[in-house]
Amino acid sequence: MDELWFLMPVAMFVLGSIWIASRLKHNATPNDHKDGLE
């Protein structure tokens, strides 16, 4: 059960990194302006 307390922050960090990477990819493409620019 102790492993869960170590895996939870790691999973959150990985998911956060993937989310940030996808956001940067969307911001890098000038043709994609439907996300958050309305």
N, C-alpha and C. Protein backbone atom coordinates (compact mmCIF):
# COMPACT_ATOMS: atom_id res chain seq x y z
N MET A 1 0.82 -1.21 0.00
CA MET A 1 0.00 0.00 0.00
C MET A 1 0.86 1.27 0.00
N ASP A 2 2.08 1.15 0.52
CA ASP A 2 2.95 2.33 0.56
C ASP A 2 3.37 2.76 -0.84
N GLU A 3 3.38 1.81 -1.77
CA GLU A 3 3.78 2.16 -3.13
C GLU A 3 2.78 3.13 -3.76
N LEU A 4 1.53 3.06 -3.33
CA LEU A 4 0.50 3.93 -3.90
C LEU A 4 0.84 5.39 -3.66
N TRP A 5 1.37 5.69 -2.47
CA TRP A 5 1.69 7.08 -2.15
C TRP A 5 2.87 7.58 -2.99
N PHE A 6 3.67 6.66 -3.52
CA PHE A 6 4.77 7.07 -4.38
C PHE A 6 4.32 7.14 -5.84
N LEU A 7 3.41 6.24 -6.22
CA LEU A 7 2.98 6.21 -7.62
C LEU A 7 2.01 7.34 -7.94
N MET A 8 1.23 7.78 -6.97
CA MET A 8 0.24 8.83 -7.24
C MET A 8 0.88 10.13 -7.72
N PRO A 9 1.86 10.69 -6.99
CA PRO A 9 2.50 11.93 -7.48
C PRO A 9 3.23 11.73 -8.79
N VAL A 10 3.82 10.55 -8.97
CA VAL A 10 4.53 10.26 -10.22
C VAL A 10 3.55 10.25 -11.38
N ALA A 11 2.40 9.60 -11.19
CA ALA A 11 1.38 9.55 -12.25
C ALA A 11 0.86 10.95 -12.54
N MET A 12 0.65 11.75 -11.50
CA MET A 12 0.17 13.12 -11.69
C MET A 12 1.20 13.94 -12.46
N PHE A 13 2.49 13.74 -12.15
CA PHE A 13 3.55 14.49 -12.83
C PHE A 13 3.61 14.10 -14.30
N VAL A 14 3.48 12.79 -14.57
CA VAL A 14 3.53 12.32 -15.96
C VAL A 14 2.34 12.86 -16.74
N LEU A 15 1.16 12.78 -16.15
CA LEU A 15 -0.04 13.28 -16.84
C LEU A 15 0.07 14.79 -17.05
N GLY A 16 0.60 15.50 -16.07
CA GLY A 16 0.77 16.94 -16.21
C GLY A 16 1.75 17.28 -17.32
N SER A 17 2.83 16.52 -17.42
CA SER A 17 3.82 16.76 -18.48
C SER A 17 3.21 16.52 -19.85
N ILE A 18 2.42 15.45 -19.97
CA ILE A 18 1.78 15.15 -21.26
C ILE A 18 0.79 16.26 -21.61
N TRP A 19 0.04 16.75 -20.61
CA TRP A 19 -0.93 17.81 -20.87
C TRP A 19 -0.23 19.09 -21.31
N ILE A 20 0.86 19.44 -20.62
CA ILE A 20 1.61 20.65 -20.97
C ILE A 20 2.22 20.52 -22.37
N ALA A 21 2.73 19.33 -22.68
CA ALA A 21 3.33 19.10 -24.00
C ALA A 21 2.28 19.25 -25.09
N SER A 22 1.07 18.73 -24.85
CA SER A 22 0.02 18.84 -25.86
C SER A 22 -0.42 20.30 -26.00
N ARG A 23 -0.44 21.04 -24.89
CA ARG A 23 -0.81 22.46 -24.96
C ARG A 23 0.25 23.23 -25.76
N LEU A 24 1.52 22.93 -25.54
CA LEU A 24 2.58 23.62 -26.27
C LEU A 24 2.51 23.28 -27.75
N LYS A 25 2.14 22.05 -28.07
CA LYS A 25 2.03 21.66 -29.48
C LYS A 25 0.90 22.44 -30.14
N HIS A 26 -0.22 22.61 -29.43
CA HIS A 26 -1.36 23.35 -29.99
C HIS A 26 -0.99 24.82 -30.16
N ASN A 27 -0.23 25.36 -29.21
CA ASN A 27 0.16 26.77 -29.29
C ASN A 27 1.21 26.99 -30.38
N ALA A 28 1.95 25.95 -30.73
CA ALA A 28 3.01 26.09 -31.72
C ALA A 28 2.43 26.11 -33.13
N THR A 29 1.24 25.53 -33.31
CA THR A 29 0.63 25.52 -34.64
C THR A 29 -0.24 26.75 -34.81
N PRO A 30 0.12 27.66 -35.71
CA PRO A 30 -0.62 28.92 -35.87
C PRO A 30 -1.99 28.73 -36.49
N ASN A 31 -2.24 27.59 -37.13
CA ASN A 31 -3.53 27.38 -37.78
C ASN A 31 -4.59 26.90 -36.80
N ASP A 32 -4.17 26.46 -35.62
CA ASP A 32 -5.13 25.94 -34.64
C ASP A 32 -5.46 27.03 -33.63
N HIS A 33 -6.55 27.72 -33.83
CA HIS A 33 -6.91 28.82 -32.93
C HIS A 33 -8.24 28.59 -32.26
N LYS A 34 -8.74 27.37 -32.29
CA LYS A 34 -10.04 27.12 -31.66
C LYS A 34 -9.89 26.84 -30.18
N ASP A 35 -8.67 26.60 -29.70
CA ASP A 35 -8.49 26.21 -28.31
C ASP A 35 -8.16 27.42 -27.43
N GLY A 36 -9.17 27.94 -26.72
CA GLY A 36 -8.93 28.95 -25.70
C GLY A 36 -8.71 30.36 -26.23
N LEU A 37 -8.97 30.60 -27.50
CA LEU A 37 -8.75 31.96 -28.03
C LEU A 37 -10.05 32.56 -28.54
N GLU A 38 -11.16 32.26 -27.84
CA GLU A 38 -12.44 32.78 -28.32
C GLU A 38 -12.96 33.85 -27.38
